[in-house]
Amino acid sequence: MAFNNVSTRMQQLLRARGVTQSDLAGVIGTTPATVSRIAAGKAGLTVDMAHRIAGQTGVRAGWLLTGELPMYAGQDTGAIAREGY
């Protein structure tokens, strides 16, 4: 599926924050069905929705959309690599 990586990151976010799809939907102003479709890889994630999720959960919108940034602001992947973690 084209949205599989976004799907994986959405599932990771839900687990990390300990929230349900319904909980997330409520705080970002969408339906549980929409969150479910994104988490299942059946729908894409818009930039607007990524920013709403980021604003409510503390993750980076860029991480949600591309996976190229650390999940949270302030995470320095270079420092982690230098320390051997």
N, C-alpha and C. Protein backbone atom coordinates (compact mmCIF):
# COMPACT_ATOMS: atom_id res chain seq x y z
N MET A 1 0.83 -1.20 0.00
CA MET A 1 0.00 0.00 0.00
C MET A 1 0.87 1.25 0.00
N ALA A 2 0.39 2.26 -0.63
CA ALA A 2 1.15 3.49 -0.75
C ALA A 2 1.33 4.20 0.58
N PHE A 3 0.43 4.00 1.51
CA PHE A 3 0.47 4.74 2.76
C PHE A 3 1.04 3.90 3.91
N ASN A 4 1.65 2.77 3.60
CA ASN A 4 2.07 1.84 4.63
C ASN A 4 3.02 2.47 5.65
N ASN A 5 3.99 3.26 5.23
CA ASN A 5 4.92 3.85 6.18
C ASN A 5 4.23 4.85 7.11
N VAL A 6 3.33 5.65 6.58
CA VAL A 6 2.55 6.56 7.42
C VAL A 6 1.72 5.74 8.39
N SER A 7 1.16 4.65 7.90
CA SER A 7 0.37 3.76 8.74
C SER A 7 1.20 3.25 9.92
N THR A 8 2.40 2.80 9.65
CA THR A 8 3.28 2.30 10.70
C THR A 8 3.58 3.38 11.73
N ARG A 9 3.86 4.59 11.25
CA ARG A 9 4.16 5.69 12.18
C ARG A 9 2.94 6.08 13.00
N MET A 10 1.76 6.04 12.40
CA MET A 10 0.54 6.33 13.16
C MET A 10 0.33 5.31 14.26
N GLN A 11 0.54 4.05 13.94
CA GLN A 11 0.39 3.00 14.95
C GLN A 11 1.43 3.17 16.06
N GLN A 12 2.66 3.52 15.68
CA GLN A 12 3.71 3.76 16.67
C GLN A 12 3.33 4.93 17.58
N LEU A 13 2.80 5.98 17.00
CA LEU A 13 2.36 7.15 17.77
C LEU A 13 1.29 6.77 18.78
N LEU A 14 0.28 6.04 18.34
CA LEU A 14 -0.80 5.65 19.24
C LEU A 14 -0.28 4.84 20.41
N ARG A 15 0.63 3.89 20.12
CA ARG A 15 1.21 3.08 21.20
C ARG A 15 2.06 3.94 22.14
N ALA A 16 2.89 4.80 21.57
CA ALA A 16 3.80 5.62 22.38
C ALA A 16 3.04 6.56 23.30
N ARG A 17 1.93 7.10 22.83
CA ARG A 17 1.15 8.05 23.62
C ARG A 17 0.09 7.36 24.47
N GLY A 18 -0.13 6.08 24.22
CA GLY A 18 -1.12 5.34 25.00
C GLY A 18 -2.54 5.82 24.79
N VAL A 19 -2.85 6.17 23.53
CA VAL A 19 -4.19 6.65 23.22
C VAL A 19 -4.83 5.75 22.17
N THR A 20 -6.14 5.79 22.14
CA THR A 20 -6.87 5.03 21.13
C THR A 20 -7.07 5.90 19.89
N GLN A 21 -7.49 5.26 18.82
CA GLN A 21 -7.81 6.02 17.61
C GLN A 21 -8.94 7.01 17.88
N SER A 22 -9.91 6.60 18.68
CA SER A 22 -11.02 7.50 19.02
C SER A 22 -10.55 8.69 19.83
N ASP A 23 -9.64 8.44 20.80
CA ASP A 23 -9.08 9.55 21.59
C ASP A 23 -8.40 10.57 20.68
N LEU A 24 -7.54 10.06 19.79
CA LEU A 24 -6.81 10.96 18.89
C LEU A 24 -7.77 11.72 17.99
N ALA A 25 -8.74 11.02 17.45
CA ALA A 25 -9.72 11.68 16.58
C ALA A 25 -10.41 12.84 17.29
N GLY A 26 -10.78 12.62 18.54
CA GLY A 26 -11.46 13.65 19.31
C GLY A 26 -10.64 14.91 19.50
N VAL A 27 -9.34 14.76 19.76
CA VAL A 27 -8.52 15.94 20.03
C VAL A 27 -8.06 16.65 18.77
N ILE A 28 -8.09 15.95 17.62
CA ILE A 28 -7.67 16.63 16.39
C ILE A 28 -8.86 17.05 15.52
N GLY A 29 -10.07 16.77 16.00
CA GLY A 29 -11.26 17.25 15.29
C GLY A 29 -11.60 16.48 14.03
N THR A 30 -11.45 15.17 14.08
CA THR A 30 -11.85 14.35 12.94
C THR A 30 -12.61 13.14 13.47
N THR A 31 -12.97 12.25 12.59
CA THR A 31 -13.73 11.07 13.02
C THR A 31 -12.79 9.91 13.34
N PRO A 32 -13.23 9.02 14.23
CA PRO A 32 -12.44 7.82 14.47
C PRO A 32 -12.22 7.00 13.19
N ALA A 33 -13.18 7.01 12.30
CA ALA A 33 -13.05 6.27 11.03
C ALA A 33 -11.89 6.81 10.20
N THR A 34 -11.69 8.12 10.20
CA THR A 34 -10.58 8.71 9.45
C THR A 34 -9.25 8.27 10.03
N VAL A 35 -9.12 8.34 11.35
CA VAL A 35 -7.88 7.91 12.00
C VAL A 35 -7.66 6.42 11.75
N SER A 36 -8.71 5.64 11.81
CA SER A 36 -8.61 4.21 11.57
C SER A 36 -8.10 3.92 10.16
N ARG A 37 -8.63 4.64 9.19
CA ARG A 37 -8.21 4.43 7.80
C ARG A 37 -6.74 4.78 7.60
N ILE A 38 -6.28 5.84 8.24
CA ILE A 38 -4.86 6.22 8.13
C ILE A 38 -3.99 5.16 8.82
N ALA A 39 -4.39 4.75 10.02
CA ALA A 39 -3.62 3.76 10.77
C ALA A 39 -3.59 2.40 10.07
N ALA A 40 -4.62 2.12 9.28
CA ALA A 40 -4.68 0.85 8.55
C ALA A 40 -4.01 0.93 7.19
N GLY A 41 -3.54 2.11 6.81
CA GLY A 41 -2.90 2.27 5.51
C GLY A 41 -3.87 2.38 4.36
N LYS A 42 -5.12 2.72 4.66
CA LYS A 42 -6.14 2.82 3.61
C LYS A 42 -6.41 4.25 3.18
N ALA A 43 -5.79 5.21 3.86
CA ALA A 43 -5.95 6.62 3.51
C ALA A 43 -4.65 7.34 3.81
N GLY A 44 -4.43 8.42 3.09
CA GLY A 44 -3.24 9.22 3.30
C GLY A 44 -3.42 10.21 4.43
N LEU A 45 -2.32 10.79 4.84
CA LEU A 45 -2.31 11.79 5.90
C LEU A 45 -2.03 13.14 5.26
N THR A 46 -2.94 14.09 5.44
CA THR A 46 -2.72 15.42 4.88
C THR A 46 -1.73 16.20 5.74
N VAL A 47 -1.14 17.21 5.16
CA VAL A 47 -0.22 18.06 5.91
C VAL A 47 -0.96 18.74 7.05
N ASP A 48 -2.17 19.21 6.78
CA ASP A 48 -2.97 19.85 7.83
C ASP A 48 -3.22 18.91 9.00
N MET A 49 -3.63 17.68 8.70
CA MET A 49 -3.91 16.74 9.77
C MET A 49 -2.62 16.37 10.51
N ALA A 50 -1.52 16.23 9.80
CA ALA A 50 -0.23 15.94 10.45
C ALA A 50 0.12 17.04 11.45
N HIS A 51 -0.13 18.29 11.08
CA HIS A 51 0.15 19.40 11.99
C HIS A 51 -0.80 19.40 13.19
N ARG A 52 -2.06 19.04 12.96
CA ARG A 52 -3.00 18.94 14.09
C ARG A 52 -2.59 17.83 15.05
N ILE A 53 -2.18 16.70 14.51
CA ILE A 53 -1.72 15.60 15.36
C ILE A 53 -0.47 16.00 16.12
N ALA A 54 0.46 16.64 15.43
CA ALA A 54 1.70 17.08 16.07
C ALA A 54 1.41 18.05 17.21
N GLY A 55 0.50 18.97 16.98
CA GLY A 55 0.16 19.95 18.00
C GLY A 55 -0.45 19.35 19.25
N GLN A 56 -1.13 18.24 19.09
CA GLN A 56 -1.80 17.60 20.23
C GLN A 56 -0.96 16.51 20.89
N THR A 57 0.04 15.99 20.19
CA THR A 57 0.78 14.85 20.73
C THR A 57 2.25 15.12 21.00
N GLY A 58 2.78 16.19 20.43
CA GLY A 58 4.18 16.51 20.63
C GLY A 58 5.13 15.85 19.65
N VAL A 59 4.63 15.06 18.71
CA VAL A 59 5.50 14.50 17.69
C VAL A 59 5.69 15.52 16.58
N ARG A 60 6.67 15.30 15.76
CA ARG A 60 6.91 16.21 14.63
C ARG A 60 6.02 15.84 13.45
N ALA A 61 5.43 16.85 12.84
CA ALA A 61 4.61 16.61 11.64
C ALA A 61 5.47 15.99 10.54
N GLY A 62 6.69 16.44 10.40
CA GLY A 62 7.59 15.89 9.38
C GLY A 62 7.88 14.42 9.59
N TRP A 63 7.99 14.01 10.85
CA TRP A 63 8.20 12.59 11.14
C TRP A 63 6.98 11.79 10.70
N LEU A 64 5.78 12.29 11.02
CA LEU A 64 4.57 11.59 10.61
C LEU A 64 4.49 11.44 9.09
N LEU A 65 4.83 12.50 8.39
CA LEU A 65 4.67 12.51 6.94
C LEU A 65 5.76 11.74 6.20
N THR A 66 7.00 11.84 6.69
CA THR A 66 8.11 11.27 5.93
C THR A 66 8.93 10.24 6.69
N GLY A 67 8.91 10.31 8.01
CA GLY A 67 9.76 9.42 8.80
C GLY A 67 11.21 9.83 8.80
N GLU A 68 11.54 10.96 8.18
CA GLU A 68 12.94 11.37 8.05
C GLU A 68 13.46 12.18 9.22
N LEU A 69 12.59 12.68 10.04
CA LEU A 69 13.00 13.44 11.21
C LEU A 69 12.82 12.57 12.45
N PRO A 70 13.49 12.93 13.56
CA PRO A 70 13.18 12.21 14.80
C PRO A 70 11.70 12.38 15.16
N MET A 71 11.18 11.43 15.90
CA MET A 71 9.76 11.46 16.27
C MET A 71 9.42 12.72 17.06
N TYR A 72 10.29 13.09 18.00
CA TYR A 72 10.03 14.25 18.86
C TYR A 72 11.09 15.32 18.63
N ALA A 73 10.67 16.57 18.73
CA ALA A 73 11.63 17.67 18.66
C ALA A 73 12.61 17.53 19.82
N GLY A 74 13.84 17.88 19.59
CA GLY A 74 14.85 17.78 20.63
C GLY A 74 15.61 16.48 20.61
N GLN A 75 15.15 15.52 19.83
CA GLN A 75 15.90 14.27 19.70
C GLN A 75 17.01 14.51 18.68
N ASP A 76 18.22 14.26 19.08
CA ASP A 76 19.37 14.45 18.21
C ASP A 76 19.90 13.08 17.84
N THR A 77 19.55 12.63 16.65
CA THR A 77 19.99 11.29 16.25
C THR A 77 21.50 11.21 16.11
N GLY A 78 22.15 12.31 15.81
CA GLY A 78 23.60 12.31 15.73
C GLY A 78 24.24 12.04 17.07
N ALA A 79 23.69 12.64 18.13
CA ALA A 79 24.23 12.43 19.47
C ALA A 79 24.02 11.00 19.90
N ILE A 80 22.89 10.42 19.54
CA ILE A 80 22.62 9.04 19.89
C ILE A 80 23.64 8.13 19.20
N ALA A 81 23.92 8.39 17.94
CA ALA A 81 24.89 7.59 17.21
C ALA A 81 26.29 7.74 17.81
N ARG A 82 26.66 8.97 18.17
CA ARG A 82 27.99 9.22 18.73
C ARG A 82 28.17 8.50 20.07
N GLU A 83 27.11 8.38 20.84
CA GLU A 83 27.20 7.75 22.15
C GLU A 83 27.08 6.22 22.06
N GLY A 84 26.77 5.71 20.88
CA GLY A 84 26.70 4.27 20.69
C GLY A 84 25.42 3.62 21.17
N TYR A 85 24.35 4.38 21.23
CA TYR A 85 23.07 3.80 21.69
C TYR A 85 22.35 3.21 20.53
